[in-house]
Amino acid sequence: MNKKQLEIMRSGKGFIAALDQSGGSTPKALRTYGVPETAYKTDEEMFTKVHEMRTRIIKSDAFNSERILGAILFENTMDRKIDASYTADYLWEEKGIVPFLKIDQGLCEPISGVQLMKPMPNLASLLERAKERKIFGTKMRSVIKEANEQGIKLIVEQQFAVAKKVINYGLVPIIEPEVDINSPTKKEAETILLKFILEELAKLGPNDLVMFKVTLPTMMNLYAPLLKDPRVVRVVALSGGYTLEHANDLLYLNKGVIASFSRALVADLRVDQSDKDFDKTLAKAVESIYEASLT
């Protein structure tokens, strides 16, 4: 593990950029960016288009280590290059930004009010490649739709089981049990989620390091207990479909939690913007998210 990167993630000022839209969400991300589905015919062409978008973001002067601590990549992005360097190398060596990798393979159909992660039969080989590509940590996402104790317990147990495998490879896992912002029982689900997280966290070894990526909670500072555990490197928040402004407003109210926004970060970027307008638009979003992450 890179100790300098760990220190940045523990105590640096800034946020994590989530640039990890995967196969299922890539067409929507490209449409928002202004690239229609008629612009590509195959998955390979689609991933090339989205890599061009991500490359433009990462190479922008607005995307810098003064505001951004880390960036989460999709597997396909990890295997591609920016200029002559693999993406993770470019992030760290050129930008001073810590690279993470999304490792989940998507979501199962809903059961007991939740969506568990699909099986990951190739997890070991993916983690080996992540180490070769100099990835610092990983991220895996599940979704909670109802305050169902049985379902939420399954989510947390699965997340921690994968996290332990990640830790064994010397990487830091970001555990992401997202609570749907439209859930009618969102507040209750979050209370149940915290209870089970604390139970599983207590079972980790003293040197096992984890991070958490959570939905901005209905009850402000709900996740404060996680911030006190020395094994928790950082608690970050997802935007979850909130507008950038609303997500930032909620983030301000949750002390010690920083952002890890995806859609909210890139929502106003367009392929036909001039480089000047693109950088200005990105800089505005970056600055607002950074400010909200300082509380």
C-alpha atoms as a PDB file:
ATOM      1  CA  MET A   1       0.000   0.000   0.000  1.00  0.00           C
ATOM      2  CA  ASN A   2       1.244   3.484  -0.895  1.00  0.00           C
ATOM      3  CA  LYS A   3       1.598   5.320   2.434  1.00  0.00           C
ATOM      4  CA  LYS A   4       1.529   8.753   0.808  1.00  0.00           C
ATOM      5  CA  GLN A   5      -1.754   7.908  -0.902  1.00  0.00           C
ATOM      6  CA  LEU A   6      -3.154   6.601   2.395  1.00  0.00           C
ATOM      7  CA  GLU A   7      -2.275   9.853   4.145  1.00  0.00           C
ATOM      8  CA  ILE A   8      -3.949  11.856   1.380  1.00  0.00           C
ATOM      9  CA  MET A   9      -7.107   9.795   1.715  1.00  0.00           C
ATOM     10  CA  ARG A  10      -7.105   9.988   5.509  1.00  0.00           C
ATOM     11  CA  SER A  11      -6.583  13.692   5.983  1.00  0.00           C
ATOM     12  CA  GLY A  12      -6.489  15.535   2.661  1.00  0.00           C
ATOM     13  CA  LYS A  13      -8.927  18.342   1.886  1.00  0.00           C
ATOM     14  CA  GLY A  14     -11.066  17.650  -1.136  1.00  0.00           C
ATOM     15  CA  PHE A  15     -13.319  14.952  -2.570  1.00  0.00           C
ATOM     16  CA  ILE A  16     -13.352  11.803  -4.715  1.00  0.00           C
ATOM     17  CA  ALA A  17     -14.494  12.070  -8.331  1.00  0.00           C
ATOM     18  CA  ALA A  18     -16.542   9.054  -9.438  1.00  0.00           C
ATOM     19  CA  LEU A  19     -15.734   8.434 -13.112  1.00  0.00           C
ATOM     20  CA  ASP A  20     -16.841   4.816 -13.022  1.00  0.00           C
ATOM     21  CA  GLN A  21     -19.997   4.587 -15.135  1.00  0.00           C
ATOM     22  CA  SER A  22     -19.999   0.989 -16.382  1.00  0.00           C
ATOM     23  CA  GLY A  23     -21.480  -0.741 -19.420  1.00  0.00           C
ATOM     24  CA  GLY A  24     -25.099  -0.336 -18.353  1.00  0.00           C
ATOM     25  CA  SER A  25     -24.906   3.350 -17.450  1.00  0.00           C
ATOM     26  CA  THR A  26     -22.439   4.462 -20.147  1.00  0.00           C
ATOM     27  CA  PRO A  27     -25.030   5.230 -22.888  1.00  0.00           C
ATOM     28  CA  LYS A  28     -26.905   7.567 -20.527  1.00  0.00           C
ATOM     29  CA  ALA A  29     -23.661   9.266 -19.460  1.00  0.00           C
ATOM     30  CA  LEU A  30     -22.724   9.783 -23.113  1.00  0.00           C
ATOM     31  CA  ARG A  31     -26.202  11.107 -24.003  1.00  0.00           C
ATOM     32  CA  THR A  32     -25.967  13.637 -21.178  1.00  0.00           C
ATOM     33  CA  TYR A  33     -22.555  14.638 -22.512  1.00  0.00           C
ATOM     34  CA  GLY A  34     -24.073  15.128 -25.971  1.00  0.00           C
ATOM     35  CA  VAL A  35     -22.974  11.909 -27.685  1.00  0.00           C
ATOM     36  CA  PRO A  36     -26.022  10.037 -29.083  1.00  0.00           C
ATOM     37  CA  GLU A  37     -26.173   6.268 -29.409  1.00  0.00           C
ATOM     38  CA  THR A  38     -25.979   6.685 -33.188  1.00  0.00           C
ATOM     39  CA  ALA A  39     -22.367   7.878 -32.725  1.00  0.00           C
ATOM     40  CA  TYR A  40     -21.154   4.333 -32.023  1.00  0.00           C
ATOM     41  CA  LYS A  41     -22.058   0.841 -33.230  1.00  0.00           C
ATOM     42  CA  THR A  42     -20.231  -1.531 -30.871  1.00  0.00           C
ATOM     43  CA  ASP A  43     -19.383  -1.680 -27.162  1.00  0.00           C
ATOM     44  CA  GLU A  44     -15.747  -1.057 -28.047  1.00  0.00           C
ATOM     45  CA  GLU A  45     -16.655   2.151 -29.883  1.00  0.00           C
ATOM     46  CA  MET A  46     -18.893   3.172 -26.961  1.00  0.00           C
ATOM     47  CA  PHE A  47     -16.105   2.639 -24.430  1.00  0.00           C
ATOM     48  CA  THR A  48     -13.713   4.592 -26.665  1.00  0.00           C
ATOM     49  CA  LYS A  49     -16.160   7.524 -26.685  1.00  0.00           C
ATOM     50  CA  VAL A  50     -16.563   7.497 -22.907  1.00  0.00           C
ATOM     51  CA  HIS A  51     -12.791   7.217 -22.446  1.00  0.00           C
ATOM     52  CA  GLU A  52     -12.416  10.330 -24.592  1.00  0.00           C
ATOM     53  CA  MET A  53     -14.845  12.088 -22.250  1.00  0.00           C
ATOM     54  CA  ARG A  54     -13.010  10.920 -19.133  1.00  0.00           C
ATOM     55  CA  THR A  55      -9.639  11.813 -20.635  1.00  0.00           C
ATOM     56  CA  ARG A  56     -10.870  15.339 -21.322  1.00  0.00           C
ATOM     57  CA  ILE A  57     -12.059  15.628 -17.711  1.00  0.00           C
ATOM     58  CA  ILE A  58      -8.869  14.230 -16.182  1.00  0.00           C
ATOM     59  CA  LYS A  59      -6.534  16.343 -18.357  1.00  0.00           C
ATOM     60  CA  SER A  60      -8.451  19.547 -17.590  1.00  0.00           C
ATOM     61  CA  ASP A  61      -6.642  22.036 -15.364  1.00  0.00           C
ATOM     62  CA  ALA A  62      -9.816  22.112 -13.249  1.00  0.00           C
ATOM     63  CA  PHE A  63      -9.267  18.446 -12.359  1.00  0.00           C
ATOM     64  CA  ASN A  64      -6.404  18.820  -9.897  1.00  0.00           C
ATOM     65  CA  SER A  65      -5.126  17.556  -6.551  1.00  0.00           C
ATOM     66  CA  GLU A  66      -5.818  20.877  -4.820  1.00  0.00           C
ATOM     67  CA  ARG A  67      -9.512  19.988  -4.890  1.00  0.00           C
ATOM     68  CA  ILE A  68      -9.691  16.291  -5.826  1.00  0.00           C
ATOM     69  CA  LEU A  69      -8.161  13.578  -3.627  1.00  0.00           C
ATOM     70  CA  GLY A  70      -9.089  10.493  -5.637  1.00  0.00           C
ATOM     71  CA  ALA A  71     -10.887   9.216  -8.709  1.00  0.00           C
ATOM     72  CA  ILE A  72     -12.877   5.986  -9.146  1.00  0.00           C
ATOM     73  CA  LEU A  73     -12.346   4.247 -12.478  1.00  0.00           C
ATOM     74  CA  PHE A  74     -14.273   1.630 -14.426  1.00  0.00           C
ATOM     75  CA  GLU A  75     -12.325  -1.543 -15.300  1.00  0.00           C
ATOM     76  CA  ASN A  76     -12.227  -0.617 -18.991  1.00  0.00           C
ATOM     77  CA  THR A  77     -10.784   2.802 -18.100  1.00  0.00           C
ATOM     78  CA  MET A  78      -8.075   1.220 -15.937  1.00  0.00           C
ATOM     79  CA  ASP A  79      -6.907  -0.797 -18.948  1.00  0.00           C
ATOM     80  CA  ARG A  80      -6.761   2.233 -21.248  1.00  0.00           C
ATOM     81  CA  LYS A  81      -4.137   4.950 -21.483  1.00  0.00           C
ATOM     82  CA  ILE A  82      -4.062   8.725 -21.248  1.00  0.00           C
ATOM     83  CA  ASP A  83      -1.231   9.877 -23.489  1.00  0.00           C
ATOM     84  CA  ALA A  84       1.446   7.204 -22.943  1.00  0.00           C
ATOM     85  CA  SER A  85       0.447   6.199 -19.407  1.00  0.00           C
ATOM     86  CA  TYR A  86      -2.186   3.851 -18.039  1.00  0.00           C
ATOM     87  CA  THR A  87      -5.007   5.893 -16.524  1.00  0.00           C
ATOM     88  CA  ALA A  88      -4.108   5.164 -12.885  1.00  0.00           C
ATOM     89  CA  ASP A  89      -0.461   6.060 -13.515  1.00  0.00           C
ATOM     90  CA  TYR A  90      -1.494   9.305 -15.198  1.00  0.00           C
ATOM     91  CA  LEU A  91      -3.788  10.202 -12.298  1.00  0.00           C
ATOM     92  CA  TRP A  92      -1.110   9.667  -9.682  1.00  0.00           C
ATOM     93  CA  GLU A  93       2.099  10.643 -11.484  1.00  0.00           C
ATOM     94  CA  GLU A  94       0.786  13.611 -13.468  1.00  0.00           C
ATOM     95  CA  LYS A  95      -2.044  14.804 -11.240  1.00  0.00           C
ATOM     96  CA  GLY A  96      -1.285  13.556  -7.717  1.00  0.00           C
ATOM     97  CA  ILE A  97      -4.767  12.026  -7.534  1.00  0.00           C
ATOM     98  CA  VAL A  98      -5.303   8.605  -5.885  1.00  0.00           C
ATOM     99  CA  PRO A  99      -6.804   5.944  -8.217  1.00  0.00           C
ATOM    100  CA  PHE A 100      -9.645   3.597  -7.201  1.00  0.00           C
ATOM    101  CA  LEU A 101     -11.353   0.841  -9.220  1.00  0.00           C
ATOM    102  CA  LYS A 102     -15.028  -0.145  -9.379  1.00  0.00           C
ATOM    103  CA  ILE A 103     -15.028  -3.940  -9.008  1.00  0.00           C
ATOM    104  CA  ASP A 104     -18.691  -4.946  -8.780  1.00  0.00           C
ATOM    105  CA  GLN A 105     -20.351  -6.496 -11.821  1.00  0.00           C
ATOM    106  CA  GLY A 106     -23.732  -4.843 -11.356  1.00  0.00           C
ATOM    107  CA  LEU A 107     -26.844  -5.606  -9.325  1.00  0.00           C
ATOM    108  CA  CYS A 108     -29.078  -8.640  -8.855  1.00  0.00           C
ATOM    109  CA  GLU A 109     -32.859  -8.455  -9.154  1.00  0.00           C
ATOM    110  CA  PRO A 110     -34.519  -7.081  -5.975  1.00  0.00           C
ATOM    111  CA  ILE A 111     -35.098  -9.428  -3.032  1.00  0.00           C
ATOM    112  CA  SER A 112     -36.181  -8.448   0.489  1.00  0.00           C
ATOM    113  CA  GLY A 113     -36.221  -4.783  -0.511  1.00  0.00           C
ATOM    114  CA  VAL A 114     -32.582  -4.693  -1.667  1.00  0.00           C
ATOM    115  CA  GLN A 115     -30.374  -5.382  -4.674  1.00  0.00           C
ATOM    116  CA  LEU A 116     -27.315  -7.431  -3.843  1.00  0.00           C
ATOM    117  CA  MET A 117     -24.203  -7.434  -6.007  1.00  0.00           C
ATOM    118  CA  LYS A 118     -23.988  -9.986  -8.792  1.00  0.00           C
ATOM    119  CA  PRO A 119     -21.452 -12.802  -8.291  1.00  0.00           C
ATOM    120  CA  MET A 120     -17.826 -11.869  -9.036  1.00  0.00           C
ATOM    121  CA  PRO A 121     -16.232 -15.091 -10.294  1.00  0.00           C
ATOM    122  CA  ASN A 122     -13.183 -13.241 -11.633  1.00  0.00           C
ATOM    123  CA  LEU A 123     -12.590 -11.097  -8.548  1.00  0.00           C
ATOM    124  CA  ALA A 124      -9.165 -12.557  -7.721  1.00  0.00           C
ATOM    125  CA  SER A 125      -7.754 -11.918 -11.189  1.00  0.00           C
ATOM    126  CA  LEU A 126      -9.278  -8.417 -11.250  1.00  0.00           C
ATOM    127  CA  LEU A 127      -7.659  -7.558  -7.926  1.00  0.00           C
ATOM    128  CA  GLU A 128      -4.322  -8.882  -9.217  1.00  0.00           C
ATOM    129  CA  ARG A 129      -4.619  -6.620 -12.263  1.00  0.00           C
ATOM    130  CA  ALA A 130      -5.604  -3.703 -10.042  1.00  0.00           C
ATOM    131  CA  LYS A 131      -2.373  -4.140  -8.076  1.00  0.00           C
ATOM    132  CA  GLU A 132      -0.371  -4.295 -11.310  1.00  0.00           C
ATOM    133  CA  ARG A 133      -2.054  -1.086 -12.484  1.00  0.00           C
ATOM    134  CA  LYS A 134      -1.154   0.586  -9.158  1.00  0.00           C
ATOM    135  CA  ILE A 135      -4.718   1.008  -7.947  1.00  0.00           C
ATOM    136  CA  PHE A 136      -4.994   2.129  -4.304  1.00  0.00           C
ATOM    137  CA  GLY A 137      -8.506   0.944  -3.499  1.00  0.00           C
ATOM    138  CA  THR A 138     -11.749  -0.491  -4.829  1.00  0.00           C
ATOM    139  CA  LYS A 139     -15.440   0.327  -4.807  1.00  0.00           C
ATOM    140  CA  MET A 140     -18.493  -1.949  -4.914  1.00  0.00           C
ATOM    141  CA  ARG A 141     -22.135  -0.863  -4.911  1.00  0.00           C
ATOM    142  CA  SER A 142     -25.347  -2.416  -3.596  1.00  0.00           C
ATOM    143  CA  VAL A 143     -28.752  -0.723  -3.367  1.00  0.00           C
ATOM    144  CA  ILE A 144     -31.280  -0.607  -0.516  1.00  0.00           C
ATOM    145  CA  LYS A 145     -34.849   0.260  -1.488  1.00  0.00           C
ATOM    146  CA  GLU A 146     -36.775  -0.551   1.694  1.00  0.00           C
ATOM    147  CA  ALA A 147     -36.216  -0.642   5.456  1.00  0.00           C
ATOM    148  CA  ASN A 148     -36.111  -4.441   5.449  1.00  0.00           C
ATOM    149  CA  GLU A 149     -33.826  -5.785   8.192  1.00  0.00           C
ATOM    150  CA  GLN A 150     -33.222  -9.136   6.512  1.00  0.00           C
ATOM    151  CA  GLY A 151     -32.330  -7.567   3.181  1.00  0.00           C
ATOM    152  CA  ILE A 152     -30.091  -4.879   4.657  1.00  0.00           C
ATOM    153  CA  LYS A 153     -28.264  -7.485   6.752  1.00  0.00           C
ATOM    154  CA  LEU A 154     -27.587  -9.480   3.566  1.00  0.00           C
ATOM    155  CA  ILE A 155     -26.264  -6.344   1.845  1.00  0.00           C
ATOM    156  CA  VAL A 156     -23.845  -5.503   4.658  1.00  0.00           C
ATOM    157  CA  GLU A 157     -22.624  -9.086   5.064  1.00  0.00           C
ATOM    158  CA  GLN A 158     -21.951  -9.385   1.332  1.00  0.00           C
ATOM    159  CA  GLN A 159     -20.154  -6.033   1.230  1.00  0.00           C
ATOM    160  CA  PHE A 160     -17.878  -6.920   4.126  1.00  0.00           C
ATOM    161  CA  ALA A 161     -17.163 -10.394   2.718  1.00  0.00           C
ATOM    162  CA  VAL A 162     -15.889  -8.808  -0.512  1.00  0.00           C
ATOM    163  CA  ALA A 163     -14.090  -6.077   1.439  1.00  0.00           C
ATOM    164  CA  LYS A 164     -12.079  -8.686   3.339  1.00  0.00           C
ATOM    165  CA  LYS A 165     -10.923 -10.221   0.046  1.00  0.00           C
ATOM    166  CA  VAL A 166      -9.887  -6.784  -1.188  1.00  0.00           C
ATOM    167  CA  ILE A 167      -7.954  -6.114   2.033  1.00  0.00           C
ATOM    168  CA  ASN A 168      -6.074  -9.389   1.544  1.00  0.00           C
ATOM    169  CA  TYR A 169      -4.663  -7.951  -1.692  1.00  0.00           C
ATOM    170  CA  GLY A 170      -3.342  -4.877   0.099  1.00  0.00           C
ATOM    171  CA  LEU A 171      -6.051  -2.590  -1.307  1.00  0.00           C
ATOM    172  CA  VAL A 172      -8.524  -0.362   0.545  1.00  0.00           C
ATOM    173  CA  PRO A 173     -12.181  -1.188  -0.221  1.00  0.00           C
ATOM    174  CA  ILE A 174     -14.899   1.439  -0.464  1.00  0.00           C
ATOM    175  CA  ILE A 175     -18.069  -0.231   0.829  1.00  0.00           C
ATOM    176  CA  GLU A 176     -21.089   1.350  -0.898  1.00  0.00           C
ATOM    177  CA  PRO A 177     -24.524   0.261   0.367  1.00  0.00           C
ATOM    178  CA  GLU A 178     -26.532   2.984  -1.397  1.00  0.00           C
ATOM    179  CA  VAL A 179     -29.962   3.813   0.031  1.00  0.00           C
ATOM    180  CA  ASP A 180     -32.344   4.871  -2.747  1.00  0.00           C
ATOM    181  CA  ILE A 181     -33.152   8.573  -2.257  1.00  0.00           C
ATOM    182  CA  ASN A 182     -36.742   7.869  -3.366  1.00  0.00           C
ATOM    183  CA  SER A 183     -37.350   5.134  -0.796  1.00  0.00           C
ATOM    184  CA  PRO A 184     -40.449   5.881   1.316  1.00  0.00           C
ATOM    185  CA  THR A 185     -38.602   4.350   4.285  1.00  0.00           C
ATOM    186  CA  LYS A 186     -35.215   5.974   3.623  1.00  0.00           C
ATOM    187  CA  LYS A 187     -34.678   7.258   7.176  1.00  0.00           C
ATOM    188  CA  GLU A 188     -35.540   3.918   8.762  1.00  0.00           C
ATOM    189  CA  ALA A 189     -33.384   2.016   6.258  1.00  0.00           C
ATOM    190  CA  GLU A 190     -30.388   4.194   7.072  1.00  0.00           C
ATOM    191  CA  THR A 191     -30.749   3.564  10.803  1.00  0.00           C
ATOM    192  CA  ILE A 192     -30.858  -0.197  10.213  1.00  0.00           C
ATOM    193  CA  LEU A 193     -27.895   0.058   7.829  1.00  0.00           C
ATOM    194  CA  LEU A 194     -25.716   1.829  10.393  1.00  0.00           C
ATOM    195  CA  LYS A 195     -26.528  -0.804  13.014  1.00  0.00           C
ATOM    196  CA  PHE A 196     -25.369  -3.667  10.793  1.00  0.00           C
ATOM    197  CA  ILE A 197     -22.308  -1.753   9.562  1.00  0.00           C
ATOM    198  CA  LEU A 198     -21.148  -1.210  13.134  1.00  0.00           C
ATOM    199  CA  GLU A 199     -21.656  -4.916  13.891  1.00  0.00           C
ATOM    200  CA  GLU A 200     -19.516  -5.997  10.915  1.00  0.00           C
ATOM    201  CA  LEU A 201     -16.940  -3.275  11.473  1.00  0.00           C
ATOM    202  CA  ALA A 202     -16.362  -4.601  14.996  1.00  0.00           C
ATOM    203  CA  LYS A 203     -15.317  -7.958  13.503  1.00  0.00           C
ATOM    204  CA  LEU A 204     -12.476  -6.505  11.407  1.00  0.00           C
ATOM    205  CA  GLY A 205      -8.870  -6.838  12.501  1.00  0.00           C
ATOM    206  CA  PRO A 206      -7.069  -3.802  13.973  1.00  0.00           C
ATOM    207  CA  ASN A 207      -5.115  -3.221  10.751  1.00  0.00           C
ATOM    208  CA  ASP A 208      -7.987  -3.797   8.320  1.00  0.00           C
ATOM    209  CA  LEU A 209      -8.705  -0.491   6.570  1.00  0.00           C
ATOM    210  CA  VAL A 210     -12.011   0.343   4.869  1.00  0.00           C
ATOM    211  CA  MET A 211     -13.902   3.325   3.505  1.00  0.00           C
ATOM    212  CA  PHE A 212     -17.645   3.874   3.208  1.00  0.00           C
ATOM    213  CA  LYS A 213     -19.650   5.519   0.447  1.00  0.00           C
ATOM    214  CA  VAL A 214     -23.161   6.319   1.623  1.00  0.00           C
ATOM    215  CA  THR A 215     -26.266   8.152   0.518  1.00  0.00           C
ATOM    216  CA  LEU A 216     -26.557  11.571   2.148  1.00  0.00           C
ATOM    217  CA  PRO A 217     -28.702  10.653   5.178  1.00  0.00           C
ATOM    218  CA  THR A 218     -32.100  11.984   6.183  1.00  0.00           C
ATOM    219  CA  MET A 219     -30.846  12.330   9.769  1.00  0.00           C
ATOM    220  CA  MET A 220     -27.877  14.662   9.637  1.00  0.00           C
ATOM    221  CA  ASN A 221     -24.550  13.301  10.913  1.00  0.00           C
ATOM    222  CA  LEU A 222     -26.019   9.801  11.179  1.00  0.00           C
ATOM    223  CA  TYR A 223     -22.699   8.263  10.134  1.00  0.00           C
ATOM    224  CA  ALA A 224     -20.594  10.213  12.649  1.00  0.00           C
ATOM    225  CA  PRO A 225     -19.823   6.988  14.634  1.00  0.00           C
ATOM    226  CA  LEU A 226     -17.950   5.623  11.591  1.00  0.00           C
ATOM    227  CA  LEU A 227     -15.663   8.640  11.535  1.00  0.00           C
ATOM    228  CA  LYS A 228     -14.359   7.770  14.998  1.00  0.00           C
ATOM    229  CA  ASP A 229     -13.165   4.259  14.104  1.00  0.00           C
ATOM    230  CA  PRO A 230      -9.395   4.212  13.323  1.00  0.00           C
ATOM    231  CA  ARG A 231      -9.972   1.493  10.696  1.00  0.00           C
ATOM    232  CA  VAL A 232     -12.234   3.803   8.679  1.00  0.00           C
ATOM    233  CA  VAL A 233     -10.010   5.814   6.336  1.00  0.00           C
ATOM    234  CA  ARG A 234     -12.813   8.091   5.143  1.00  0.00           C
ATOM    235  CA  VAL A 235     -16.581   8.338   4.823  1.00  0.00           C
ATOM    236  CA  VAL A 236     -17.725   9.729   1.479  1.00  0.00           C
ATOM    237  CA  ALA A 237     -21.162  10.565   0.125  1.00  0.00           C
ATOM    238  CA  LEU A 238     -22.802   9.809  -3.210  1.00  0.00           C
ATOM    239  CA  SER A 239     -25.123  12.289  -4.895  1.00  0.00           C
ATOM    240  CA  GLY A 240     -27.679   9.554  -5.639  1.00  0.00           C
ATOM    241  CA  GLY A 241     -29.688  11.515  -8.184  1.00  0.00           C
ATOM    242  CA  TYR A 242     -29.889  14.758  -6.204  1.00  0.00           C
ATOM    243  CA  THR A 243     -28.992  17.913  -8.130  1.00  0.00           C
ATOM    244  CA  LEU A 244     -25.497  19.247  -7.493  1.00  0.00           C
ATOM    245  CA  GLU A 245     -26.897  22.136  -5.466  1.00  0.00           C
ATOM    246  CA  HIS A 246     -29.082  19.947  -3.257  1.00  0.00           C
ATOM    247  CA  ALA A 247     -26.336  17.359  -2.770  1.00  0.00           C
ATOM    248  CA  ASN A 248     -23.905  20.089  -1.748  1.00  0.00           C
ATOM    249  CA  ASP A 249     -26.436  21.596   0.680  1.00  0.00           C
ATOM    250  CA  LEU A 250     -26.873  18.208   2.388  1.00  0.00           C
ATOM    251  CA  LEU A 251     -23.133  17.557   2.395  1.00  0.00           C
ATOM    252  CA  TYR A 252     -22.488  20.853   4.217  1.00  0.00           C
ATOM    253  CA  LEU A 253     -24.655  19.555   7.078  1.00  0.00           C
ATOM    254  CA  ASN A 254     -22.780  16.253   7.500  1.00  0.00           C
ATOM    255  CA  LYS A 255     -19.564  17.114   9.330  1.00  0.00           C
ATOM    256  CA  GLY A 256     -16.468  15.146   8.369  1.00  0.00           C
ATOM    257  CA  VAL A 257     -18.061  13.495   5.318  1.00  0.00           C
ATOM    258  CA  ILE A 258     -16.663  14.355   1.866  1.00  0.00           C
ATOM    259  CA  ALA A 259     -18.205  13.971  -1.577  1.00  0.00           C
ATOM    260  CA  SER A 260     -17.796  11.180  -4.095  1.00  0.00           C
ATOM    261  CA  PHE A 261     -20.103  12.518  -6.778  1.00  0.00           C
ATOM    262  CA  SER A 262     -20.578  11.137 -10.287  1.00  0.00           C
ATOM    263  CA  ARG A 263     -23.574  12.530 -12.169  1.00  0.00           C
ATOM    264  CA  ALA A 264     -23.601  15.732 -10.133  1.00  0.00           C
ATOM    265  CA  LEU A 265     -19.949  16.405 -11.042  1.00  0.00           C
ATOM    266  CA  VAL A 266     -20.292  16.077 -14.826  1.00  0.00           C
ATOM    267  CA  ALA A 267     -23.957  16.999 -15.384  1.00  0.00           C
ATOM    268  CA  ASP A 268     -23.224  20.272 -17.209  1.00  0.00           C
ATOM    269  CA  LEU A 269     -20.298  19.093 -19.352  1.00  0.00           C
ATOM    270  CA  ARG A 270     -20.930  18.831 -23.109  1.00  0.00           C
ATOM    271  CA  VAL A 271     -18.875  17.405 -25.948  1.00  0.00           C
ATOM    272  CA  ASP A 272     -19.361  20.509 -28.105  1.00  0.00           C
ATOM    273  CA  GLN A 273     -18.126  22.973 -25.473  1.00  0.00           C
ATOM    274  CA  SER A 274     -14.920  24.806 -26.268  1.00  0.00           C
ATOM    275  CA  ASP A 275     -11.999  23.798 -24.072  1.00  0.00           C
ATOM    276  CA  LYS A 276     -12.342  27.116 -22.269  1.00  0.00           C
ATOM    277  CA  ASP A 277     -16.060  26.639 -21.564  1.00  0.00           C
ATOM    278  CA  PHE A 278     -15.521  22.982 -20.633  1.00  0.00           C
ATOM    279  CA  ASP A 279     -12.800  23.858 -18.124  1.00  0.00           C
ATOM    280  CA  LYS A 280     -14.853  26.729 -16.708  1.00  0.00           C
ATOM    281  CA  THR A 281     -17.932  24.518 -16.254  1.00  0.00           C
ATOM    282  CA  LEU A 282     -15.912  21.730 -14.646  1.00  0.00           C
ATOM    283  CA  ALA A 283     -14.055  24.180 -12.397  1.00  0.00           C
ATOM    284  CA  LYS A 284     -17.360  25.594 -11.126  1.00  0.00           C
ATOM    285  CA  ALA A 285     -18.659  22.136 -10.204  1.00  0.00           C
ATOM    286  CA  VAL A 286     -15.338  21.080  -8.653  1.00  0.00           C
ATOM    287  CA  GLU A 287     -15.128  24.225  -6.538  1.00  0.00           C
ATOM    288  CA  SER A 288     -18.679  23.895  -5.202  1.00  0.00           C
ATOM    289  CA  ILE A 289     -18.193  20.213  -4.297  1.00  0.00           C
ATOM    290  CA  TYR A 290     -14.835  20.991  -2.686  1.00  0.00           C
ATOM    291  CA  GLU A 291     -16.339  23.732  -0.523  1.00  0.00           C
ATOM    292  CA  ALA A 292     -19.155  21.438   0.606  1.00  0.00           C
ATOM    293  CA  SER A 293     -16.602  18.757   1.501  1.00  0.00           C
ATOM    294  CA  LEU A 294     -14.682  20.995   3.909  1.00  0.00           C
ATOM    295  CA  THR A 295     -17.172  20.984   6.786  1.00  0.00           C
END
